[in-house]
Amino acid sequence: MSIGNEGQQKNKSIFNKNIQSKLLLRHLAAGNKELLKLTHQIKTLNLNIIDVFKQLKSESEDVRTLQSEIIENKKSTLREAICHIPISLANC
């Protein structure tokens, strides 16, 4: 092989490696964009999950409040009913 031929082979090899490097960089950039999209989607999902838990917590507090109100209503209804029972029956 002549010196000129060897130089051309080296240049061709370097050129091919440069092309491969550029293609790899493009693939990496595309992969980074996909990762950013996925990261954004995960953040959005996490926020949605947090919102759902907040709603559940709020609803359970509402349920406890309603249960307390129901119990108080039952107590007051029983008190009123007892107060209206004739004395002769209440002493039984």
C-alpha atoms as a PDB file:
ATOM      1  CA  MET A   1       0.000   0.000   0.000  1.00  0.00           C
ATOM      2  CA  SER A   2       1.323   3.451  -0.843  1.00  0.00           C
ATOM      3  CA  ILE A   3       1.585   6.278   1.639  1.00  0.00           C
ATOM      4  CA  GLY A   4      -1.097   8.229  -0.239  1.00  0.00           C
ATOM      5  CA  ASN A   5      -3.409   5.231  -0.135  1.00  0.00           C
ATOM      6  CA  GLU A   6      -2.860   4.808   3.614  1.00  0.00           C
ATOM      7  CA  GLY A   7      -3.684   8.480   4.152  1.00  0.00           C
ATOM      8  CA  GLN A   8      -6.898   8.107   2.181  1.00  0.00           C
ATOM      9  CA  GLN A   9      -7.866   5.027   4.232  1.00  0.00           C
ATOM     10  CA  LYS A  10      -7.213   6.909   7.498  1.00  0.00           C
ATOM     11  CA  ASN A  11      -9.225   9.897   6.274  1.00  0.00           C
ATOM     12  CA  LYS A  12     -12.059   7.604   5.200  1.00  0.00           C
ATOM     13  CA  SER A  13     -11.979   5.852   8.587  1.00  0.00           C
ATOM     14  CA  ILE A  14     -12.031   9.188  10.440  1.00  0.00           C
ATOM     15  CA  PHE A  15     -14.861  10.417   8.200  1.00  0.00           C
ATOM     16  CA  ASN A  16     -16.899   7.261   8.904  1.00  0.00           C
ATOM     17  CA  LYS A  17     -16.285   7.605  12.639  1.00  0.00           C
ATOM     18  CA  ASN A  18     -17.407  11.238  12.480  1.00  0.00           C
ATOM     19  CA  ILE A  19     -20.618  10.209  10.719  1.00  0.00           C
ATOM     20  CA  GLN A  20     -21.205   7.468  13.290  1.00  0.00           C
ATOM     21  CA  SER A  21     -20.555   9.950  16.097  1.00  0.00           C
ATOM     22  CA  LYS A  22     -23.030  12.446  14.614  1.00  0.00           C
ATOM     23  CA  LEU A  23     -25.667   9.727  14.234  1.00  0.00           C
ATOM     24  CA  LEU A  24     -25.074   8.614  17.800  1.00  0.00           C
ATOM     25  CA  LEU A  25     -25.419  12.203  19.034  1.00  0.00           C
ATOM     26  CA  ARG A  26     -28.709  12.555  17.139  1.00  0.00           C
ATOM     27  CA  HIS A  27     -29.992   9.342  18.708  1.00  0.00           C
ATOM     28  CA  LEU A  28     -28.903  10.555  22.139  1.00  0.00           C
ATOM     29  CA  ALA A  29     -30.593  13.918  21.590  1.00  0.00           C
ATOM     30  CA  ALA A  30     -33.799  12.173  20.504  1.00  0.00           C
ATOM     31  CA  GLY A  31     -33.541   9.912  23.536  1.00  0.00           C
ATOM     32  CA  ASN A  32     -33.070  12.943  25.793  1.00  0.00           C
ATOM     33  CA  LYS A  33     -36.197  14.541  24.326  1.00  0.00           C
ATOM     34  CA  GLU A  34     -38.153  11.354  24.995  1.00  0.00           C
ATOM     35  CA  LEU A  35     -36.789  11.208  28.542  1.00  0.00           C
ATOM     36  CA  LEU A  36     -37.833  14.818  29.105  1.00  0.00           C
ATOM     37  CA  LYS A  37     -41.338  14.032  27.830  1.00  0.00           C
ATOM     38  CA  LEU A  38     -41.561  10.978  30.077  1.00  0.00           C
ATOM     39  CA  THR A  39     -40.240  12.938  33.056  1.00  0.00           C
ATOM     40  CA  HIS A  40     -42.875  15.610  32.467  1.00  0.00           C
ATOM     41  CA  GLN A  41     -45.591  12.944  32.215  1.00  0.00           C
ATOM     42  CA  ILE A  42     -44.403  11.343  35.457  1.00  0.00           C
ATOM     43  CA  LYS A  43     -44.440  14.725  37.232  1.00  0.00           C
ATOM     44  CA  THR A  44     -47.972  15.331  35.961  1.00  0.00           C
ATOM     45  CA  LEU A  45     -49.064  11.877  37.141  1.00  0.00           C
ATOM     46  CA  ASN A  46     -47.489  12.486  40.549  1.00  0.00           C
ATOM     47  CA  LEU A  47     -49.373  15.778  40.870  1.00  0.00           C
ATOM     48  CA  ASN A  48     -52.597  14.023  39.894  1.00  0.00           C
ATOM     49  CA  ILE A  49     -51.973  11.303  42.486  1.00  0.00           C
ATOM     50  CA  ILE A  50     -51.301  13.947  45.148  1.00  0.00           C
ATOM     51  CA  ASP A  51     -54.566  15.695  44.218  1.00  0.00           C
ATOM     52  CA  VAL A  52     -56.477  12.416  44.499  1.00  0.00           C
ATOM     53  CA  PHE A  53     -55.020  11.756  47.958  1.00  0.00           C
ATOM     54  CA  LYS A  54     -55.927  15.293  49.042  1.00  0.00           C
ATOM     55  CA  GLN A  55     -59.487  14.740  47.818  1.00  0.00           C
ATOM     56  CA  LEU A  56     -59.683  11.396  49.613  1.00  0.00           C
ATOM     57  CA  LYS A  57     -58.405  12.967  52.825  1.00  0.00           C
ATOM     58  CA  SER A  58     -60.883  15.803  52.480  1.00  0.00           C
ATOM     59  CA  GLU A  59     -63.732  13.373  51.795  1.00  0.00           C
ATOM     60  CA  SER A  60     -62.841  11.233  54.810  1.00  0.00           C
ATOM     61  CA  GLU A  61     -62.874  14.387  56.972  1.00  0.00           C
ATOM     62  CA  ASP A  62     -66.277  15.264  55.501  1.00  0.00           C
ATOM     63  CA  VAL A  63     -67.518  11.753  56.297  1.00  0.00           C
ATOM     64  CA  ARG A  64     -66.331  12.073  59.904  1.00  0.00           C
ATOM     65  CA  THR A  65     -68.080  15.435  60.196  1.00  0.00           C
ATOM     66  CA  LEU A  66     -71.288  13.992  58.756  1.00  0.00           C
ATOM     67  CA  GLN A  67     -71.091  11.010  61.112  1.00  0.00           C
ATOM     68  CA  SER A  68     -70.736  13.373  64.078  1.00  0.00           C
ATOM     69  CA  GLU A  69     -73.701  15.426  62.880  1.00  0.00           C
ATOM     70  CA  ILE A  70     -75.815  12.282  62.439  1.00  0.00           C
ATOM     71  CA  ILE A  71     -74.936  11.089  65.951  1.00  0.00           C
ATOM     72  CA  GLU A  72     -75.808  14.501  67.410  1.00  0.00           C
ATOM     73  CA  ASN A  73     -79.099  14.533  65.492  1.00  0.00           C
ATOM     74  CA  LYS A  74     -79.934  11.048  66.796  1.00  0.00           C
ATOM     75  CA  LYS A  75     -79.151  12.149  70.368  1.00  0.00           C
ATOM     76  CA  SER A  76     -81.288  15.271  70.122  1.00  0.00           C
ATOM     77  CA  THR A  77     -84.126  13.310  68.487  1.00  0.00           C
ATOM     78  CA  LEU A  78     -83.978  10.740  71.299  1.00  0.00           C
ATOM     79  CA  ARG A  79     -83.956  13.523  73.922  1.00  0.00           C
ATOM     80  CA  GLU A  80     -87.007  15.123  72.330  1.00  0.00           C
ATOM     81  CA  ALA A  81     -88.785  11.778  72.087  1.00  0.00           C
ATOM     82  CA  ILE A  82     -88.029  10.977  75.723  1.00  0.00           C
ATOM     83  CA  CYS A  83     -89.264  14.393  76.819  1.00  0.00           C
ATOM     84  CA  HIS A  84     -92.605  13.804  75.063  1.00  0.00           C
ATOM     85  CA  ILE A  85     -93.197  10.339  76.567  1.00  0.00           C
ATOM     86  CA  PRO A  86     -95.980  10.441  79.151  1.00  0.00           C
ATOM     87  CA  ILE A  87     -94.599  10.323  82.674  1.00  0.00           C
ATOM     88  CA  SER A  88     -96.477   7.129  83.495  1.00  0.00           C
ATOM     89  CA  LEU A  89     -94.711   5.276  80.615  1.00  0.00           C
ATOM     90  CA  ALA A  90     -91.320   6.830  81.281  1.00  0.00           C
ATOM     91  CA  ASN A  91     -91.252   5.422  84.808  1.00  0.00           C
ATOM     92  CA  CYS A  92     -91.795   1.829  83.700  1.00  0.00           C
END
